[in-house]
C-alpha atoms as a PDB file:
ATOM      1  CA  MET A   1     127.139 114.421  43.433  1.00  0.00           C
ATOM      2  CA  SER A   2     125.217 112.454  46.018  1.00  0.00           C
ATOM      3  CA  LYS A   3     125.051 113.665  49.590  1.00  0.00           C
ATOM      4  CA  SER A   4     126.650 111.956  52.542  1.00  0.00           C
ATOM      5  CA  ILE A   5     124.042 110.017  54.518  1.00  0.00           C
ATOM      6  CA  LEU A   6     125.541 110.766  57.914  1.00  0.00           C
ATOM      7  CA  THR A   7     126.172 114.432  57.168  1.00  0.00           C
ATOM      8  CA  SER A   8     122.690 115.090  55.796  1.00  0.00           C
ATOM      9  CA  VAL A   9     120.981 113.298  58.692  1.00  0.00           C
ATOM     10  CA  LYS A  10     123.040 115.260  61.219  1.00  0.00           C
ATOM     11  CA  GLU A  11     122.226 118.568  59.534  1.00  0.00           C
ATOM     12  CA  ASN A  12     118.527 117.786  59.219  1.00  0.00           C
ATOM     13  CA  ILE A  13     117.831 116.473  62.706  1.00  0.00           C
ATOM     14  CA  SER A  14     119.547 119.094  64.813  1.00  0.00           C
ATOM     15  CA  GLY A  15     121.686 121.283  62.610  1.00  0.00           C
ATOM     16  CA  ILE A  16     124.776 119.338  63.662  1.00  0.00           C
ATOM     17  CA  THR A  17     127.673 120.279  61.405  1.00  0.00           C
ATOM     18  CA  GLU A  18     129.674 117.709  59.476  1.00  0.00           C
ATOM     19  CA  ASP A  19     132.836 118.322  61.482  1.00  0.00           C
ATOM     20  CA  TYR A  20     131.119 117.783  64.856  1.00  0.00           C
ATOM     21  CA  THR A  21     131.463 114.033  65.396  1.00  0.00           C
ATOM     22  CA  ALA A  22     130.603 113.600  69.093  1.00  0.00           C
ATOM     23  CA  PHE A  23     127.251 111.966  68.252  1.00  0.00           C
ATOM     24  CA  ASP A  24     128.389 109.876  65.283  1.00  0.00           C
ATOM     25  CA  ASN A  25     128.774 106.738  67.403  1.00  0.00           C
ATOM     26  CA  ILE A  26     125.127 107.114  68.463  1.00  0.00           C
ATOM     27  CA  LEU A  27     123.706 108.165  65.103  1.00  0.00           C
ATOM     28  CA  ILE A  28     125.391 105.533  62.921  1.00  0.00           C
ATOM     29  CA  PRO A  29     123.754 102.528  64.650  1.00  0.00           C
ATOM     30  CA  ILE A  30     120.358 104.258  64.536  1.00  0.00           C
ATOM     31  CA  ILE A  31     120.788 104.984  60.825  1.00  0.00           C
ATOM     32  CA  ASN A  32     121.887 101.396  60.188  1.00  0.00           C
ATOM     33  CA  ALA A  33     118.872 100.038  62.076  1.00  0.00           C
ATOM     34  CA  GLU A  34     116.611 102.071  59.805  1.00  0.00           C
ATOM     35  CA  PHE A  35     118.392 100.742  56.712  1.00  0.00           C
ATOM     36  CA  ALA A  36     117.949  97.198  58.059  1.00  0.00           C
ATOM     37  CA  LYS A  37     114.243  97.901  58.500  1.00  0.00           C
ATOM     38  CA  LEU A  38     113.993  99.221  54.945  1.00  0.00           C
ATOM     39  CA  CYS A  39     115.781  96.163  53.578  1.00  0.00           C
ATOM     40  CA  GLN A  40     113.287  93.935  55.414  1.00  0.00           C
ATOM     41  CA  LEU A  41     110.535  95.886  53.665  1.00  0.00           C
ATOM     42  CA  GLY A  42     112.202  95.145  50.321  1.00  0.00           C
ATOM     43  CA  VAL A  43     113.649  98.630  49.875  1.00  0.00           C
ATOM     44  CA  GLY A  44     117.290  99.002  48.915  1.00  0.00           C
ATOM     45  CA  PRO A  45     120.024  96.523  48.065  1.00  0.00           C
ATOM     46  CA  ALA A  46     119.003  92.868  48.358  1.00  0.00           C
ATOM     47  CA  ASP A  47     122.122  92.061  50.372  1.00  0.00           C
ATOM     48  CA  GLY A  48     121.497  94.856  52.889  1.00  0.00           C
ATOM     49  CA  PHE A  49     123.143  98.188  53.500  1.00  0.00           C
ATOM     50  CA  SER A  50     124.930  99.981  56.311  1.00  0.00           C
ATOM     51  CA  ILE A  51     127.163 102.967  56.853  1.00  0.00           C
ATOM     52  CA  ALA A  52     130.367 103.232  58.864  1.00  0.00           C
ATOM     53  CA  ASP A  53     131.157 106.922  58.469  1.00  0.00           C
ATOM     54  CA  LYS A  54     130.341 110.005  56.408  1.00  0.00           C
ATOM     55  CA  THR A  55     131.586 108.513  53.129  1.00  0.00           C
ATOM     56  CA  ALA A  56     128.413 106.524  52.387  1.00  0.00           C
ATOM     57  CA  THR A  57     125.966 108.354  50.121  1.00  0.00           C
ATOM     58  CA  TRP A  58     122.253 108.111  49.412  1.00  0.00           C
ATOM     59  CA  ASP A  59     122.958 107.015  45.821  1.00  0.00           C
ATOM     60  CA  GLN A  60     124.737 103.959  47.188  1.00  0.00           C
ATOM     61  CA  PHE A  61     121.478 102.869  48.798  1.00  0.00           C
ATOM     62  CA  THR A  62     119.235 103.538  45.801  1.00  0.00           C
ATOM     63  CA  THR A  63     119.138 105.651  42.667  1.00  0.00           C
ATOM     64  CA  ASP A  64     115.524 104.953  41.721  1.00  0.00           C
ATOM     65  CA  PRO A  65     113.595 108.250  41.827  1.00  0.00           C
ATOM     66  CA  ARG A  66     110.500 106.423  43.104  1.00  0.00           C
ATOM     67  CA  LEU A  67     112.404 105.882  46.343  1.00  0.00           C
ATOM     68  CA  ASP A  68     113.626 109.461  46.726  1.00  0.00           C
ATOM     69  CA  PHE A  69     111.862 109.843  50.036  1.00  0.00           C
ATOM     70  CA  VAL A  70     114.153 107.255  51.681  1.00  0.00           C
ATOM     71  CA  GLU A  71     116.281 110.164  52.877  1.00  0.00           C
ATOM     72  CA  GLU A  72     113.299 111.882  54.464  1.00  0.00           C
ATOM     73  CA  TYR A  73     112.151 108.632  56.080  1.00  0.00           C
ATOM     74  CA  VAL A  74     115.549 107.770  57.586  1.00  0.00           C
ATOM     75  CA  THR A  75     116.030 111.331  58.814  1.00  0.00           C
ATOM     76  CA  LEU A  76     112.564 111.356  60.370  1.00  0.00           C
ATOM     77  CA  ARG A  77     113.107 108.037  62.166  1.00  0.00           C
ATOM     78  CA  VAL A  78     116.512 109.150  63.460  1.00  0.00           C
ATOM     79  CA  LYS A  79     114.983 112.408  64.676  1.00  0.00           C
ATOM     80  CA  ILE A  80     112.313 110.478  66.580  1.00  0.00           C
ATOM     81  CA  LEU A  81     114.839 108.154  68.178  1.00  0.00           C
ATOM     82  CA  PHE A  82     117.640 110.649  68.805  1.00  0.00           C
ATOM     83  CA  ASP A  83     116.192 114.114  69.148  1.00  0.00           C
ATOM     84  CA  SER A  84     112.583 113.969  70.342  1.00  0.00           C
ATOM     85  CA  SER A  85     113.030 114.459  74.078  1.00  0.00           C
ATOM     86  CA  ASP A  86     112.421 118.219  73.853  1.00  0.00           C
ATOM     87  CA  MET A  87     109.377 117.877  71.610  1.00  0.00           C
ATOM     88  CA  PRO A  88     105.788 117.952  72.809  1.00  0.00           C
ATOM     89  CA  SER A  89     104.219 114.483  72.789  1.00  0.00           C
ATOM     90  CA  PHE A  90     101.721 115.431  70.067  1.00  0.00           C
ATOM     91  CA  VAL A  91     104.620 116.388  67.766  1.00  0.00           C
ATOM     92  CA  VAL A  92     106.401 113.090  68.430  1.00  0.00           C
ATOM     93  CA  GLU A  93     103.157 111.223  67.724  1.00  0.00           C
ATOM     94  CA  ALA A  94     102.690 113.128  64.446  1.00  0.00           C
ATOM     95  CA  LEU A  95     106.261 112.279  63.424  1.00  0.00           C
ATOM     96  CA  LYS A  96     105.672 108.610  64.236  1.00  0.00           C
ATOM     97  CA  GLN A  97     102.500 108.590  62.135  1.00  0.00           C
ATOM     98  CA  ALA A  98     104.378 110.187  59.245  1.00  0.00           C
ATOM     99  CA  ALA A  99     107.093 107.509  59.567  1.00  0.00           C
ATOM    100  CA  VAL A 100     104.480 104.733  59.386  1.00  0.00           C
ATOM    101  CA  GLU A 101     103.059 106.263  56.223  1.00  0.00           C
ATOM    102  CA  TYR A 102     106.542 106.511  54.683  1.00  0.00           C
ATOM    103  CA  GLU A 103     107.173 102.852  55.535  1.00  0.00           C
ATOM    104  CA  TRP A 104     103.954 101.829  53.809  1.00  0.00           C
ATOM    105  CA  ARG A 105     104.661 103.955  50.731  1.00  0.00           C
ATOM    106  CA  LEU A 106     108.234 102.687  50.489  1.00  0.00           C
ATOM    107  CA  GLN A 107     107.066  99.096  50.761  1.00  0.00           C
ATOM    108  CA  VAL A 108     104.488  99.661  48.008  1.00  0.00           C
ATOM    109  CA  ALA A 109     107.146 101.247  45.785  1.00  0.00           C
ATOM    110  CA  ALA A 110     109.529  98.352  46.453  1.00  0.00           C
ATOM    111  CA  GLU A 111     106.823  95.822  45.565  1.00  0.00           C
ATOM    112  CA  GLU A 112     106.158  97.668  42.300  1.00  0.00           C
ATOM    113  CA  LEU A 113     109.874  97.677  41.467  1.00  0.00           C
ATOM    114  CA  THR A 114     110.110  93.953  42.226  1.00  0.00           C
ATOM    115  CA  ALA A 115     107.085  93.228  40.044  1.00  0.00           C
ATOM    116  CA  GLU A 116     108.681  95.185  37.188  1.00  0.00           C
ATOM    117  CA  LYS A 117     111.887  93.151  37.521  1.00  0.00           C
ATOM    118  CA  ASP A 118     109.931  89.906  37.640  1.00  0.00           C
ATOM    119  CA  ASP A 119     108.005  90.920  34.518  1.00  0.00           C
ATOM    120  CA  GLY A 120     111.235  91.832  32.742  1.00  0.00           C
ATOM    121  CA  ILE A 121     110.393  95.491  32.403  1.00  0.00           C
END
């Protein structure tokens, strides 16, 4: 069974439990912005993707194992945008550098998947 996107992001960024919803209205737009960015990079559904609540799952975004680190990327970007105020600046910078690398790797993987589809593989 695939995990809830919202629930897993909440748990991974600050240990926020599923039933605590006070930040959902802040987190959901941040998560959706990251999905929009991924779609612009060619990662995920061609017609875009967004969540509205905790019912959306990672498998709804992609099931290709070559894109398994989408969850880590989205969580990392949300952490930077939502929960980095208490972090030392060098930690925030390291997280940002990791996010850039994830973006590049995801784009490369998406290009490979597109090439396979175009070649009929």
